Protein backbone atom coordinates (compact mmCIF):
# COMPACT_ATOMS: atom_id res chain seq x y z
CA MET A 1 0.21 -0.02 -0.24
CA THR A 2 1.09 3.55 -0.80
CA VAL A 3 0.51 6.79 0.97
CA LYS A 4 1.07 10.18 -0.56
CA SER A 5 0.20 13.43 1.35
CA LEU A 6 -0.62 16.47 -0.93
CA THR A 7 -1.53 20.20 -0.17
CA LEU A 8 -4.22 21.99 -2.29
CA GLN A 9 -4.48 25.85 -1.83
CA LEU A 10 -7.41 28.14 -1.56
CA SER A 11 -8.40 31.68 -1.31
CA THR A 12 -11.69 32.54 0.41
CA ARG A 13 -14.06 35.39 1.18
CA GLY A 14 -15.62 33.79 4.31
CA ASP A 15 -18.86 34.10 4.95
CA THR A 16 -20.20 30.66 3.76
CA ASP A 17 -17.90 30.92 0.64
CA ILE A 18 -18.32 27.78 -1.19
CA HIS A 19 -15.51 25.91 -3.66
CA ASP A 20 -16.21 23.06 -6.03
CA ILE A 21 -12.70 21.46 -5.37
CA THR A 22 -13.92 18.30 -7.67
CA HIS A 23 -11.20 18.83 -10.32
CA GLN A 24 -8.64 19.79 -8.37
CA VAL A 25 -9.02 16.84 -6.05
CA ALA A 26 -9.08 14.74 -9.28
CA GLY A 27 -5.80 16.23 -10.47
CA LEU A 28 -4.23 15.11 -7.06
CA VAL A 29 -5.38 11.54 -7.33
CA ALA A 30 -4.12 11.08 -11.12
CA GLN A 31 -0.67 12.81 -10.40
CA SER A 32 -0.35 10.50 -6.88
CA GLY A 33 0.53 7.41 -9.03
CA ILE A 34 -1.85 5.28 -7.35
CA LYS A 35 -4.58 3.27 -9.24
CA ASP A 36 -7.09 2.41 -6.36
CA GLY A 37 -8.04 3.57 -3.19
CA CYS A 38 -9.27 6.25 -1.29
CA ALA A 39 -8.55 9.93 -1.10
CA THR A 40 -9.38 12.25 2.36
CA ILE A 41 -9.69 15.63 1.77
CA PHE A 42 -8.99 17.07 5.38
CA CYS A 43 -9.06 21.16 6.34
CA PRO A 44 -6.95 21.68 9.30
CA SER A 45 -9.36 24.38 10.18
CA SER A 46 -11.63 24.88 12.85
CA THR A 47 -13.95 27.41 10.84
CA SER A 48 -14.54 25.16 7.76
CA GLY A 49 -15.40 22.40 6.40
CA VAL A 50 -16.09 19.80 3.47
CA THR A 51 -19.00 17.39 2.13
CA THR A 52 -20.55 16.91 -1.39
CA ILE A 53 -23.34 18.61 -2.90
CA GLU A 54 -24.33 19.26 -6.24
CA TYR A 55 -22.95 22.26 -7.26
CA GLU A 56 -25.39 24.36 -8.97
CA SER A 57 -26.86 27.73 -7.72
CA GLY A 58 -30.05 26.58 -6.07
CA ALA A 59 -28.03 24.01 -4.29
CA LEU A 60 -25.48 26.52 -2.91
CA SER A 61 -28.35 28.97 -1.93
CA ASP A 62 -30.17 26.27 0.08
CA LEU A 63 -27.05 25.35 1.38
CA LYS A 64 -26.12 28.91 2.99
CA ARG A 65 -29.80 29.42 3.95
CA LEU A 66 -29.72 26.40 5.83
CA PHE A 67 -26.69 27.71 7.98
CA GLU A 68 -27.89 30.46 8.52
CA GLU A 69 -31.31 29.10 9.94
CA ILE A 70 -29.75 26.63 12.21
CA VAL A 71 -26.78 28.63 13.41
CA PRO A 72 -27.45 32.32 12.85
CA SER A 73 -24.48 34.17 12.44
CA HIS A 74 -25.78 37.40 14.42
CA ARG A 75 -26.72 35.51 17.71
CA GLU A 76 -24.89 35.80 21.06
CA TYR A 77 -21.88 33.31 21.11
CA ALA A 78 -19.98 32.51 24.20
CA HIS A 79 -16.80 32.01 21.63
CA ASN A 80 -17.39 35.63 20.88
CA ALA A 81 -17.52 37.36 24.51
CA ARG A 82 -14.28 35.30 25.06
CA TRP A 83 -12.44 35.99 21.94
CA GLY A 84 -14.32 38.91 20.35
CA ASP A 85 -13.30 37.84 16.90
CA GLY A 86 -16.94 37.67 16.48
CA ASN A 87 -16.80 34.05 14.52
CA GLY A 88 -18.59 31.93 17.03
CA HIS A 89 -20.89 30.64 14.41
CA SER A 90 -18.41 29.72 11.97
CA HIS A 91 -16.77 27.29 14.79
CA VAL A 92 -20.40 25.71 15.15
CA ARG A 93 -21.35 25.38 11.55
CA ALA A 94 -17.81 23.95 11.22
CA SER A 95 -18.27 21.32 13.44
CA LEU A 96 -21.56 20.42 12.15
CA LEU A 97 -20.46 20.01 8.50
CA GLY A 98 -17.20 18.00 9.24
CA ALA A 99 -13.53 18.63 8.49
CA SER A 100 -12.94 15.41 5.96
CA LEU A 101 -14.39 13.61 3.49
CA THR A 102 -13.01 10.33 2.15
CA VAL A 103 -13.50 9.17 -1.66
CA PRO A 104 -12.74 6.21 -3.00
CA PHE A 105 -11.13 6.02 -6.68
CA VAL A 106 -10.82 3.21 -9.40
CA ASP A 107 -8.76 3.33 -11.78
CA ARG A 108 -7.13 7.08 -10.98
CA ARG A 109 -10.90 8.48 -11.20
CA LEU A 110 -13.13 9.56 -8.64
CA THR A 111 -16.23 7.46 -7.68
CA LEU A 112 -18.42 10.43 -7.33
CA GLY A 113 -21.87 9.94 -8.58
CA THR A 114 -23.10 12.41 -12.08
CA TRP A 115 -24.45 15.38 -10.15
CA GLN A 116 -21.73 15.14 -6.92
CA GLN A 117 -19.17 17.59 -6.66
CA ILE A 118 -16.70 17.70 -3.58
CA ILE A 119 -17.20 21.36 -1.84
CA TYR A 120 -15.00 23.19 0.85
CA VAL A 121 -17.02 25.88 2.87
CA ASP A 122 -14.98 28.49 4.55
CA PHE A 123 -17.54 29.76 7.66
CA ASP A 124 -15.27 32.25 9.06
CA ASN A 125 -15.94 36.29 8.67
CA ARG A 126 -13.49 37.40 6.82
CA PRO A 127 -11.34 36.34 3.71
CA ARG A 128 -8.56 33.50 4.10
CA LYS A 129 -5.67 31.76 2.71
CA ARG A 130 -6.26 28.08 3.23
CA GLU A 131 -4.46 24.63 2.51
CA LEU A 132 -6.00 21.29 2.56
CA VAL A 133 -4.47 18.17 3.12
CA VAL A 134 -5.15 15.39 0.56
CA GLN A 135 -4.23 12.15 1.79
CA VAL A 136 -4.31 9.45 -1.07
CA ILE A 137 -3.84 5.91 -0.28
CA GLY A 138 -3.84 2.54 -2.33
CA GLU A 139 -2.10 0.48 -4.77
C-alpha cells in the first residue's frame, strides 16, 4: 500500500464561501500514481468544512440559507464573548459539516455520482488563505 500526502491551496472570502474542489482533488489523485484506493480531504481549520453537493446555484443558496437558519451569524456566542473575534457561528457551523471527507477512486478516477461534487465551505467572517491536506492511499 502506498500513501501520498498532498496539499491544495485556496483563497476564500469567508461568510459561507463555497468552492468546488472536485477537479483539484481529481488532479491530485491522478498525479499520485496510485491506481485504486481512497482520497481523504482534510481541512486543518476550525471554521471550515468539506462535503459533497450538486454544485449549482440553487443547491448552494439552499445550503447557505440552511446554515443561517440553524446557526444564525448574528446571535450571541460564548466564543465571541471570550475572544471578541465575532466568528463563534463559524466554529459551530464547521463542527456540523465536518473537517474531512473520504472518496474512493478506481483506475485513478473518483467514484462520485454524476451530480456530486466535492465542496469546501469557509464559514469564517473574513477572507482567508487555506491549505487543505489530500491524502491518497491505495495501490
